[in-house]
Structure formats: C-alpha cells, structure tokens
Amino acid sequence: QKGTQRYKRVSDRFWFAFLFWMFLTYPLMSIITIKGLHCRTIAGRNLLVIDLTMDCPYEDQSSEVFLWAVVTTALFPLGIPLFFYVILTWAGVPALARIKEEEA
C-alpha cells in the first residue's frame, strides 16, 4: 500500500538501484550512442566508423539509422543528465546545498 513504511523502503531501494545503474552505465551508453554519429571518409565514401559496411547516417537523414542515432543521443547523453537534474531539484538538493554552504 502506498504511504506505508514498507512501500517507502521498497521505493527508496528501487530509486537508489535505478539511479546507481544509470550513473554507472551513462558513460558507456553515451560513448556508444555518439559513435552512431561518427563518420569518416574512406576511399571516397563517407562511412560510419563503428561499422565500416554502413554509409554515414548523415547521407540519408530519413534513414532508420540516422533517426535511431538522433533519438538515442537525445535519450542518453542529453536526457540522463537532465533527468538527474530534475530528480535532484525535486528532492531539494540545491536548497540543502545552499543551507550547508551558509552554515560553513
């Protein structure tokens, strides 16, 4: 039941595990995502560096690869820090930090 002590304990554990997992996976997921947009010209062809059998997604911006690269870039390298900022602000961390700074 929502509002019970057990619910709060389970909810706290979930959020701790979820945020910790996001914190750990963020660098790797961001690197992989950004590599989906990294292209290089080789032998006169613009190729995707992580898969040299594929043309650069910039060549066909209506392709699924380009769309996937843009969506995952918004989701991981940009979305996760924004999510952390929103969660920390919602939890009152900036206000708590100001109070601690004033007391120091």
PDB file of N, CA and C in Angstrom:
ATOM      1  N   GLN A   1       0.834  -1.187   0.000  1.00  0.00           N
ATOM      2  CA  GLN A   1       0.000   0.000   0.000  1.00  0.00           C
ATOM      3  C   GLN A   1       0.876   1.246   0.000  1.00  0.00           C
ATOM      4  N   LYS A   2       0.467   2.189  -0.827  1.00  0.00           N
ATOM      5  CA  LYS A   2       1.195   3.448  -0.901  1.00  0.00           C
ATOM      6  C   LYS A   2       1.067   4.185   0.428  1.00  0.00           C
ATOM      7  N   GLY A   3       2.165   4.764   0.879  1.00  0.00           N
ATOM      8  CA  GLY A   3       2.147   5.509   2.129  1.00  0.00           C
ATOM      9  C   GLY A   3       2.605   4.714   3.336  1.00  0.00           C
ATOM     10  N   THR A   4       2.728   3.407   3.204  1.00  0.00           N
ATOM     11  CA  THR A   4       3.179   2.598   4.330  1.00  0.00           C
ATOM     12  C   THR A   4       4.702   2.637   4.421  1.00  0.00           C
ATOM     13  N   GLN A   5       5.198   2.232   5.553  1.00  0.00           N
ATOM     14  CA  GLN A   5       6.650   2.197   5.774  1.00  0.00           C
ATOM     15  C   GLN A   5       7.335   1.232   4.802  1.00  0.00           C
ATOM     16  N   ARG A   6       6.701   0.081   4.568  1.00  0.00           N
ATOM     17  CA  ARG A   6       7.279  -0.908   3.656  1.00  0.00           C
ATOM     18  C   ARG A   6       7.352  -0.359   2.233  1.00  0.00           C
ATOM     19  N   TYR A   7       6.295   0.329   1.795  1.00  0.00           N
ATOM     20  CA  TYR A   7       6.271   0.927   0.463  1.00  0.00           C
ATOM     21  C   TYR A   7       7.397   1.945   0.318  1.00  0.00           C
ATOM     22  N   LYS A   8       7.586   2.773   1.321  1.00  0.00           N
ATOM     23  CA  LYS A   8       8.644   3.778   1.274  1.00  0.00           C
ATOM     24  C   LYS A   8      10.016   3.122   1.200  1.00  0.00           C
ATOM     25  N   ARG A   9      10.233   2.071   1.968  1.00  0.00           N
ATOM     26  CA  ARG A   9      11.517   1.371   1.962  1.00  0.00           C
ATOM     27  C   ARG A   9      11.790   0.740   0.585  1.00  0.00           C
ATOM     28  N   VAL A  10      10.775   0.092   0.014  1.00  0.00           N
ATOM     29  CA  VAL A  10      10.934  -0.520  -1.310  1.00  0.00           C
ATOM     30  C   VAL A  10      11.149   0.551  -2.369  1.00  0.00           C
ATOM     31  N   SER A  11      10.402   1.632  -2.283  1.00  0.00           N
ATOM     32  CA  SER A  11      10.547   2.732  -3.235  1.00  0.00           C
ATOM     33  C   SER A  11      11.940   3.348  -3.146  1.00  0.00           C
ATOM     34  N   ASP A  12      12.424   3.580  -1.948  1.00  0.00           N
ATOM     35  CA  ASP A  12      13.769   4.133  -1.766  1.00  0.00           C
ATOM     36  C   ASP A  12      14.837   3.207  -2.350  1.00  0.00           C
ATOM     37  N   ARG A  13      14.701   1.922  -2.121  1.00  0.00           N
ATOM     38  CA  ARG A  13      15.673   0.959  -2.660  1.00  0.00           C
ATOM     39  C   ARG A  13      15.627   0.920  -4.182  1.00  0.00           C
ATOM     40  N   PHE A  14      14.411   0.960  -4.726  1.00  0.00           N
ATOM     41  CA  PHE A  14      14.285   0.977  -6.176  1.00  0.00           C
ATOM     42  C   PHE A  14      14.988   2.190  -6.770  1.00  0.00           C
ATOM     43  N   TRP A  15      14.678   3.379  -6.245  1.00  0.00           N
ATOM     44  CA  TRP A  15      15.274   4.598  -6.805  1.00  0.00           C
ATOM     45  C   TRP A  15      16.781   4.608  -6.631  1.00  0.00           C
ATOM     46  N   PHE A  16      17.271   4.107  -5.498  1.00  0.00           N
ATOM     47  CA  PHE A  16      18.718   4.043  -5.307  1.00  0.00           C
ATOM     48  C   PHE A  16      19.349   3.134  -6.363  1.00  0.00           C
ATOM     49  N   ALA A  17      18.793   1.940  -6.549  1.00  0.00           N
ATOM     50  CA  ALA A  17      19.344   0.993  -7.530  1.00  0.00           C
ATOM     51  C   ALA A  17      19.236   1.543  -8.945  1.00  0.00           C
ATOM     52  N   PHE A  18      18.094   2.123  -9.284  1.00  0.00           N
ATOM     53  CA  PHE A  18      17.884   2.666 -10.615  1.00  0.00           C
ATOM     54  C   PHE A  18      18.843   3.818 -10.916  1.00  0.00           C
ATOM     55  N   LEU A  19      18.970   4.760 -10.016  1.00  0.00           N
ATOM     56  CA  LEU A  19      19.866   5.901 -10.234  1.00  0.00           C
ATOM     57  C   LEU A  19      21.327   5.465 -10.241  1.00  0.00           C
ATOM     58  N   PHE A  20      21.681   4.505  -9.399  1.00  0.00           N
ATOM     59  CA  PHE A  20      23.047   3.999  -9.383  1.00  0.00           C
ATOM     60  C   PHE A  20      23.370   3.308 -10.701  1.00  0.00           C
ATOM     61  N   TRP A  21      22.422   2.501 -11.220  1.00  0.00           N
ATOM     62  CA  TRP A  21      22.606   1.830 -12.508  1.00  0.00           C
ATOM     63  C   TRP A  21      22.772   2.860 -13.619  1.00  0.00           C
ATOM     64  N   MET A  22      21.954   3.892 -13.598  1.00  0.00           N
ATOM     65  CA  MET A  22      22.069   4.948 -14.623  1.00  0.00           C
ATOM     66  C   MET A  22      23.420   5.652 -14.519  1.00  0.00           C
ATOM     67  N   PHE A  23      23.865   5.914 -13.307  1.00  0.00           N
ATOM     68  CA  PHE A  23      25.142   6.580 -13.100  1.00  0.00           C
ATOM     69  C   PHE A  23      26.286   5.724 -13.647  1.00  0.00           C
ATOM     70  N   LEU A  24      26.221   4.416 -13.422  1.00  0.00           N
ATOM     71  CA  LEU A  24      27.285   3.532 -13.892  1.00  0.00           C
ATOM     72  C   LEU A  24      27.282   3.344 -15.410  1.00  0.00           C
ATOM     73  N   THR A  25      26.109   3.228 -16.001  1.00  0.00           N
ATOM     74  CA  THR A  25      26.027   2.947 -17.434  1.00  0.00           C
ATOM     75  C   THR A  25      26.086   4.198 -18.296  1.00  0.00           C
ATOM     76  N   TYR A  26      25.909   5.364 -17.724  1.00  0.00           N
ATOM     77  CA  TYR A  26      25.858   6.606 -18.501  1.00  0.00           C
ATOM     78  C   TYR A  26      27.077   6.824 -19.398  1.00  0.00           C
ATOM     79  N   PRO A  27      28.299   6.707 -18.898  1.00  0.00           N
ATOM     80  CA  PRO A  27      29.454   6.970 -19.785  1.00  0.00           C
ATOM     81  C   PRO A  27      29.521   6.017 -20.975  1.00  0.00           C
ATOM     82  N   LEU A  28      29.354   4.737 -20.738  1.00  0.00           N
ATOM     83  CA  LEU A  28      29.433   3.755 -21.827  1.00  0.00           C
ATOM     84  C   LEU A  28      28.299   3.949 -22.829  1.00  0.00           C
ATOM     85  N   MET A  29      27.090   4.114 -22.346  1.00  0.00           N
ATOM     86  CA  MET A  29      25.953   4.304 -23.248  1.00  0.00           C
ATOM     87  C   MET A  29      26.102   5.582 -24.065  1.00  0.00           C
ATOM     88  N   SER A  30      26.643   6.624 -23.456  1.00  0.00           N
ATOM     89  CA  SER A  30      26.836   7.884 -24.182  1.00  0.00           C
ATOM     90  C   SER A  30      27.878   7.728 -25.276  1.00  0.00           C
ATOM     91  N   ILE A  31      28.962   7.046 -24.966  1.00  0.00           N
ATOM     92  CA  ILE A  31      30.016   6.839 -25.968  1.00  0.00           C
ATOM     93  C   ILE A  31      29.479   6.022 -27.141  1.00  0.00           C
ATOM     94  N   ILE A  32      28.782   4.947 -26.843  1.00  0.00           N
ATOM     95  CA  ILE A  32      28.225   4.099 -27.903  1.00  0.00           C
ATOM     96  C   ILE A  32      27.235   4.893 -28.752  1.00  0.00           C
ATOM     97  N   THR A  33      26.406   5.672 -28.109  1.00  0.00           N
ATOM     98  CA  THR A  33      25.407   6.468 -28.817  1.00  0.00           C
ATOM     99  C   THR A  33      26.054   7.496 -29.732  1.00  0.00           C
ATOM    100  N   ILE A  34      27.030   8.212 -29.223  1.00  0.00           N
ATOM    101  CA  ILE A  34      27.680   9.255 -30.020  1.00  0.00           C
ATOM    102  C   ILE A  34      28.465   8.645 -31.176  1.00  0.00           C
ATOM    103  N   LYS A  35      28.997   7.447 -30.980  1.00  0.00           N
ATOM    104  CA  LYS A  35      29.699   6.782 -32.088  1.00  0.00           C
ATOM    105  C   LYS A  35      28.759   6.461 -33.239  1.00  0.00           C
ATOM    106  N   GLY A  36      27.477   6.413 -32.978  1.00  0.00           N
ATOM    107  CA  GLY A  36      26.499   6.211 -34.042  1.00  0.00           C
ATOM    108  C   GLY A  36      26.383   7.400 -34.973  1.00  0.00           C
ATOM    109  N   LEU A  37      27.022   8.501 -34.604  1.00  0.00           N
ATOM    110  CA  LEU A  37      27.027   9.703 -35.440  1.00  0.00           C
ATOM    111  C   LEU A  37      28.427  10.038 -35.957  1.00  0.00           C
ATOM    112  N   HIS A  38      29.409   9.205 -35.644  1.00  0.00           N
ATOM    113  CA  HIS A  38      30.800   9.479 -36.008  1.00  0.00           C
ATOM    114  C   HIS A  38      31.113   8.856 -37.365  1.00  0.00           C
ATOM    115  N   CYS A  39      31.383   9.693 -38.343  1.00  0.00           N
ATOM    116  CA  CYS A  39      31.639   9.217 -39.703  1.00  0.00           C
ATOM    117  C   CYS A  39      33.030   9.640 -40.161  1.00  0.00           C
ATOM    118  N   ARG A  40      33.527   8.909 -41.144  1.00  0.00           N
ATOM    119  CA  ARG A  40      34.852   9.213 -41.710  1.00  0.00           C
ATOM    120  C   ARG A  40      34.813   8.874 -43.198  1.00  0.00           C
ATOM    121  N   THR A  41      35.510   9.692 -43.996  1.00  0.00           N
ATOM    122  CA  THR A  41      35.594   9.422 -45.423  1.00  0.00           C
ATOM    123  C   THR A  41      36.763   8.481 -45.680  1.00  0.00           C
ATOM    124  N   ILE A  42      36.445   7.331 -46.259  1.00  0.00           N
ATOM    125  CA  ILE A  42      37.454   6.320 -46.581  1.00  0.00           C
ATOM    126  C   ILE A  42      37.244   5.917 -48.037  1.00  0.00           C
ATOM    127  N   ALA A  43      38.285   6.051 -48.814  1.00  0.00           N
ATOM    128  CA  ALA A  43      38.251   5.695 -50.241  1.00  0.00           C
ATOM    129  C   ALA A  43      37.096   6.393 -50.969  1.00  0.00           C
ATOM    130  N   GLY A  44      36.874   7.652 -50.607  1.00  0.00           N
ATOM    131  CA  GLY A  44      35.853   8.434 -51.287  1.00  0.00           C
ATOM    132  C   GLY A  44      34.432   8.208 -50.811  1.00  0.00           C
ATOM    133  N   ARG A  45      34.244   7.318 -49.804  1.00  0.00           N
ATOM    134  CA  ARG A  45      32.904   7.056 -49.258  1.00  0.00           C
ATOM    135  C   ARG A  45      32.842   7.536 -47.820  1.00  0.00           C
ATOM    136  N   ASN A  46      31.723   8.126 -47.468  1.00  0.00           N
ATOM    137  CA  ASN A  46      31.501   8.589 -46.105  1.00  0.00           C
ATOM    138  C   ASN A  46      30.885   7.436 -45.324  1.00  0.00           C
ATOM    139  N   LEU A  47      31.674   6.834 -44.403  1.00  0.00           N
ATOM    140  CA  LEU A  47      31.257   5.623 -43.698  1.00  0.00           C
ATOM    141  C   LEU A  47      31.136   5.851 -42.203  1.00  0.00           C
ATOM    142  N   LEU A  48      30.287   5.048 -41.596  1.00  0.00           N
ATOM    143  CA  LEU A  48      30.113   5.054 -40.148  1.00  0.00           C
ATOM    144  C   LEU A  48      31.322   4.361 -39.530  1.00  0.00           C
ATOM    145  N   VAL A  49      32.000   5.018 -38.608  1.00  0.00           N
ATOM    146  CA  VAL A  49      33.259   4.496 -38.059  1.00  0.00           C
ATOM    147  C   VAL A  49      33.051   3.176 -37.319  1.00  0.00           C
ATOM    148  N   ILE A  50      31.970   3.035 -36.563  1.00  0.00           N
ATOM    149  CA  ILE A  50      31.782   1.798 -35.793  1.00  0.00           C
ATOM    150  C   ILE A  50      31.373   0.617 -36.656  1.00  0.00           C
ATOM    151  N   ASP A  51      30.902   0.874 -37.886  1.00  0.00           N
ATOM    152  CA  ASP A  51      30.539  -0.193 -38.814  1.00  0.00           C
ATOM    153  C   ASP A  51      30.847   0.283 -40.228  1.00  0.00           C
ATOM    154  N   LEU A  52      32.032  -0.055 -40.691  1.00  0.00           N
ATOM    155  CA  LEU A  52      32.507   0.458 -41.975  1.00  0.00           C
ATOM    156  C   LEU A  52      31.765  -0.125 -43.173  1.00  0.00           C
ATOM    157  N   THR A  53      30.797  -1.002 -42.933  1.00  0.00           N
ATOM    158  CA  THR A  53      29.975  -1.502 -44.042  1.00  0.00           C
ATOM    159  C   THR A  53      28.769  -0.601 -44.276  1.00  0.00           C
ATOM    160  N   MET A  54      28.532   0.345 -43.355  1.00  0.00           N
ATOM    161  CA  MET A  54      27.356   1.214 -43.459  1.00  0.00           C
ATOM    162  C   MET A  54      27.750   2.619 -43.873  1.00  0.00           C
ATOM    163  N   ASP A  55      26.932   3.225 -44.740  1.00  0.00           N
ATOM    164  CA  ASP A  55      27.134   4.622 -45.090  1.00  0.00           C
ATOM    165  C   ASP A  55      26.797   5.496 -43.891  1.00  0.00           C
ATOM    166  N   CYS A  56      27.386   6.671 -43.858  1.00  0.00           N
ATOM    167  CA  CYS A  56      27.142   7.621 -42.777  1.00  0.00           C
ATOM    168  C   CYS A  56      25.658   7.978 -42.727  1.00  0.00           C
ATOM    169  N   PRO A  57      25.067   7.995 -41.549  1.00  0.00           N
ATOM    170  CA  PRO A  57      23.638   8.313 -41.459  1.00  0.00           C
ATOM    171  C   PRO A  57      23.311   9.731 -41.927  1.00  0.00           C
ATOM    172  N   TYR A  58      24.309  10.627 -41.951  1.00  0.00           N
ATOM    173  CA  TYR A  58      24.057  11.985 -42.417  1.00  0.00           C
ATOM    174  C   TYR A  58      23.705  12.015 -43.900  1.00  0.00           C
ATOM    175  N   GLU A  59      24.144  10.992 -44.639  1.00  0.00           N
ATOM    176  CA  GLU A  59      23.885  10.946 -46.072  1.00  0.00           C
ATOM    177  C   GLU A  59      22.396  10.817 -46.371  1.00  0.00           C
ATOM    178  N   ASP A  60      21.677  10.077 -45.530  1.00  0.00           N
ATOM    179  CA  ASP A  60      20.238   9.882 -45.718  1.00  0.00           C
ATOM    180  C   ASP A  60      19.563  10.135 -44.375  1.00  0.00           C
ATOM    181  N   GLN A  61      19.162  11.388 -44.148  1.00  0.00           N
ATOM    182  CA  GLN A  61      18.613  11.752 -42.842  1.00  0.00           C
ATOM    183  C   GLN A  61      17.213  11.207 -42.604  1.00  0.00           C
ATOM    184  N   SER A  62      16.651  10.523 -43.583  1.00  0.00           N
ATOM    185  CA  SER A  62      15.365   9.868 -43.372  1.00  0.00           C
ATOM    186  C   SER A  62      15.547   8.388 -43.035  1.00  0.00           C
ATOM    187  N   SER A  63      16.805   7.935 -42.950  1.00  0.00           N
ATOM    188  CA  SER A  63      17.072   6.524 -42.665  1.00  0.00           C
ATOM    189  C   SER A  63      16.798   6.183 -41.204  1.00  0.00           C
ATOM    190  N   GLU A  64      16.564   4.908 -40.965  1.00  0.00           N
ATOM    191  CA  GLU A  64      16.329   4.442 -39.595  1.00  0.00           C
ATOM    192  C   GLU A  64      17.574   4.614 -38.735  1.00  0.00           C
ATOM    193  N   VAL A  65      18.751   4.447 -39.322  1.00  0.00           N
ATOM    194  CA  VAL A  65      19.998   4.579 -38.562  1.00  0.00           C
ATOM    195  C   VAL A  65      20.159   6.012 -38.074  1.00  0.00           C
ATOM    196  N   PHE A  66      19.900   6.988 -38.932  1.00  0.00           N
ATOM    197  CA  PHE A  66      20.011   8.391 -38.522  1.00  0.00           C
ATOM    198  C   PHE A  66      18.991   8.707 -37.431  1.00  0.00           C
ATOM    199  N   LEU A  67      17.746   8.284 -37.637  1.00  0.00           N
ATOM    200  CA  LEU A  67      16.706   8.529 -36.642  1.00  0.00           C
ATOM    201  C   LEU A  67      17.070   7.887 -35.306  1.00  0.00           C
ATOM    202  N   TRP A  68      17.545   6.647 -35.343  1.00  0.00           N
ATOM    203  CA  TRP A  68      17.942   5.948 -34.122  1.00  0.00           C
ATOM    204  C   TRP A  68      19.089   6.678 -33.425  1.00  0.00           C
ATOM    205  N   ALA A  69      20.073   7.142 -34.178  1.00  0.00           N
ATOM    206  CA  ALA A  69      21.212   7.861 -33.598  1.00  0.00           C
ATOM    207  C   ALA A  69      20.763   9.158 -32.929  1.00  0.00           C
ATOM    208  N   VAL A  70      19.869   9.886 -33.567  1.00  0.00           N
ATOM    209  CA  VAL A  70      19.387  11.149 -33.001  1.00  0.00           C
ATOM    210  C   VAL A  70      18.562  10.898 -31.738  1.00  0.00           C
ATOM    211  N   VAL A  71      17.675   9.908 -31.785  1.00  0.00           N
ATOM    212  CA  VAL A  71      16.822   9.610 -30.618  1.00  0.00           C
ATOM    213  C   VAL A  71      17.665   9.142 -29.438  1.00  0.00           C
ATOM    214  N   THR A  72      18.608   8.237 -29.680  1.00  0.00           N
ATOM    215  CA  THR A  72      19.420   7.741 -28.557  1.00  0.00           C
ATOM    216  C   THR A  72      20.376   8.814 -28.040  1.00  0.00           C
ATOM    217  N   THR A  73      20.811   9.717 -28.901  1.00  0.00           N
ATOM    218  CA  THR A  73      21.647  10.829 -28.426  1.00  0.00           C
ATOM    219  C   THR A  73      20.831  11.733 -27.518  1.00  0.00           C
ATOM    220  N   ALA A  74      19.593  11.981 -27.875  1.00  0.00           N
ATOM    221  CA  ALA A  74      18.732  12.790 -27.009  1.00  0.00           C
ATOM    222  C   ALA A  74      18.431  12.057 -25.709  1.00  0.00           C
ATOM    223  N   LEU A  75      18.272  10.753 -25.794  1.00  0.00           N
ATOM    224  CA  LEU A  75      17.902   9.962 -24.621  1.00  0.00           C
ATOM    225  C   LEU A  75      19.055   9.808 -23.635  1.00  0.00           C
ATOM    226  N   PHE A  76      20.230   9.439 -24.122  1.00  0.00           N
ATOM    227  CA  PHE A  76      21.330   9.146 -23.207  1.00  0.00           C
ATOM    228  C   PHE A  76      22.222  10.348 -22.892  1.00  0.00           C
ATOM    229  N   PRO A  77      23.042  10.839 -23.810  1.00  0.00           N
ATOM    230  CA  PRO A  77      23.958  11.924 -23.440  1.00  0.00           C
ATOM    231  C   PRO A  77      23.267  13.195 -22.968  1.00  0.00           C
ATOM    232  N   LEU A  78      22.063  13.466 -23.425  1.00  0.00           N
ATOM    233  CA  LEU A  78      21.363  14.680 -23.006  1.00  0.00           C
ATOM    234  C   LEU A  78      20.283  14.398 -21.973  1.00  0.00           C
ATOM    235  N   GLY A  79      19.550  13.321 -22.155  1.00  0.00           N
ATOM    236  CA  GLY A  79      18.410  13.034 -21.294  1.00  0.00           C
ATOM    237  C   GLY A  79      18.760  12.593 -19.883  1.00  0.00           C
ATOM    238  N   ILE A  80      19.795  11.797 -19.737  1.00  0.00           N
ATOM    239  CA  ILE A  80      20.148  11.299 -18.402  1.00  0.00           C
ATOM    240  C   ILE A  80      20.628  12.425 -17.480  1.00  0.00           C
ATOM    241  N   PRO A  81      21.538  13.317 -17.925  1.00  0.00           N
ATOM    242  CA  PRO A  81      21.883  14.437 -17.037  1.00  0.00           C
ATOM    243  C   PRO A  81      20.679  15.321 -16.703  1.00  0.00           C
ATOM    244  N   LEU A  82      19.811  15.541 -17.685  1.00  0.00           N
ATOM    245  CA  LEU A  82      18.603  16.317 -17.418  1.00  0.00           C
ATOM    246  C   LEU A  82      17.723  15.603 -16.401  1.00  0.00           C
ATOM    247  N   PHE A  83      17.593  14.298 -16.516  1.00  0.00           N
ATOM    248  CA  PHE A  83      16.814  13.515 -15.569  1.00  0.00           C
ATOM    249  C   PHE A  83      17.406  13.630 -14.153  1.00  0.00           C
ATOM    250  N   PHE A  84      18.732  13.509 -14.043  1.00  0.00           N
ATOM    251  CA  PHE A  84      19.386  13.657 -12.740  1.00  0.00           C
ATOM    252  C   PHE A  84      19.143  15.041 -12.157  1.00  0.00           C
ATOM    253  N   TYR A  85      19.232  16.068 -12.992  1.00  0.00           N
ATOM    254  CA  TYR A  85      18.998  17.438 -12.532  1.00  0.00           C
ATOM    255  C   TYR A  85      17.566  17.591 -11.999  1.00  0.00           C
ATOM    256  N   VAL A  86      16.594  17.065 -12.737  1.00  0.00           N
ATOM    257  CA  VAL A  86      15.197  17.171 -12.315  1.00  0.00           C
ATOM    258  C   VAL A  86      14.974  16.424 -11.003  1.00  0.00           C
ATOM    259  N   ILE A  87      15.502  15.218 -10.903  1.00  0.00           N
ATOM    260  CA  ILE A  87      15.336  14.423  -9.676  1.00  0.00           C
ATOM    261  C   ILE A  87      15.980  15.117  -8.475  1.00  0.00           C
ATOM    262  N   LEU A  88      17.200  15.616  -8.665  1.00  0.00           N
ATOM    263  CA  LEU A  88      17.891  16.281  -7.559  1.00  0.00           C
ATOM    264  C   LEU A  88      17.180  17.570  -7.146  1.00  0.00           C
ATOM    265  N   THR A  89      16.675  18.321  -8.118  1.00  0.00           N
ATOM    266  CA  THR A  89      15.935  19.545  -7.808  1.00  0.00           C
ATOM    267  C   THR A  89      14.633  19.210  -7.095  1.00  0.00           C
ATOM    268  N   TRP A  90      13.928  18.189  -7.595  1.00  0.00           N
ATOM    269  CA  TRP A  90      12.679  17.754  -6.966  1.00  0.00           C
ATOM    270  C   TRP A  90      12.912  17.318  -5.518  1.00  0.00           C
ATOM    271  N   ALA A  91      14.053  16.682  -5.260  1.00  0.00           N
ATOM    272  CA  ALA A  91      14.372  16.208  -3.905  1.00  0.00           C
ATOM    273  C   ALA A  91      14.877  17.328  -3.001  1.00  0.00           C
ATOM    274  N   GLY A  92      15.079  18.526  -3.554  1.00  0.00           N
ATOM    275  CA  GLY A  92      15.502  19.656  -2.735  1.00  0.00           C
ATOM    276  C   GLY A  92      16.992  19.732  -2.473  1.00  0.00           C
ATOM    277  N   VAL A  93      17.787  19.058  -3.279  1.00  0.00           N
ATOM    278  CA  VAL A  93      19.236  19.041  -3.054  1.00  0.00           C
ATOM    279  C   VAL A  93      19.870  20.426  -3.217  1.00  0.00           C
ATOM    280  N   PRO A  94      19.507  21.232  -4.240  1.00  0.00           N
ATOM    281  CA  PRO A  94      20.122  22.564  -4.340  1.00  0.00           C
ATOM    282  C   PRO A  94      19.851  23.436  -3.114  1.00  0.00           C
ATOM    283  N   ALA A  95      18.638  23.385  -2.591  1.00  0.00           N
ATOM    284  CA  ALA A  95      18.314  24.158  -1.388  1.00  0.00           C
ATOM    285  C   ALA A  95      19.109  23.654  -0.191  1.00  0.00           C
ATOM    286  N   LEU A  96      19.239  22.359  -0.081  1.00  0.00           N
ATOM    287  CA  LEU A  96      20.022  21.772   1.001  1.00  0.00           C
ATOM    288  C   LEU A  96      21.487  22.185   0.890  1.00  0.00           C
ATOM    289  N   ALA A  97      22.012  22.198  -0.333  1.00  0.00           N
ATOM    290  CA  ALA A  97      23.404  22.609  -0.541  1.00  0.00           C
ATOM    291  C   ALA A  97      23.607  24.074  -0.158  1.00  0.00           C
ATOM    292  N   ARG A  98      22.635  24.941  -0.497  1.00  0.00           N
ATOM    293  CA  ARG A  98      22.755  26.362  -0.112  1.00  0.00           C
ATOM    294  C   ARG A  98      22.770  26.516   1.411  1.00  0.00           C
ATOM    295  N   ILE A  99      21.915  25.770   2.093  1.00  0.00           N
ATOM    296  CA  ILE A  99      21.865  25.834   3.561  1.00  0.00           C
ATOM    297  C   ILE A  99      23.207  25.382   4.144  1.00  0.00           C
ATOM    298  N   LYS A 100      23.747  24.273   3.630  1.00  0.00           N
ATOM    299  CA  LYS A 100      25.024  23.763   4.125  1.00  0.00           C
ATOM    300  C   LYS A 100      26.141  24.762   3.839  1.00  0.00           C
ATOM    301  N   GLU A 101      26.090  25.418   2.689  1.00  0.00           N
ATOM    302  CA  GLU A 101      27.107  26.400   2.333  1.00  0.00           C
ATOM    303  C   GLU A 101      27.056  27.607   3.260  1.00  0.00           C
ATOM    304  N   GLU A 102      25.861  28.041   3.612  1.00  0.00           N
ATOM    305  CA  GLU A 102      25.689  29.183   4.515  1.00  0.00           C
ATOM    306  C   GLU A 102      26.154  28.856   5.925  1.00  0.00           C
ATOM    307  N   GLU A 103      25.991  27.596   6.337  1.00  0.00           N
ATOM    308  CA  GLU A 103      26.393  27.177   7.676  1.00  0.00           C
ATOM    309  C   GLU A 103      27.896  26.999   7.795  1.00  0.00           C
ATOM    310  N   ALA A 104      28.574  26.791   6.667  1.00  0.00           N
ATOM    311  CA  ALA A 104      30.020  26.519   6.688  1.00  0.00           C
ATOM    312  C   ALA A 104      30.822  27.758   6.981  1.00  0.00           C
TER     313      ALA A 104
END
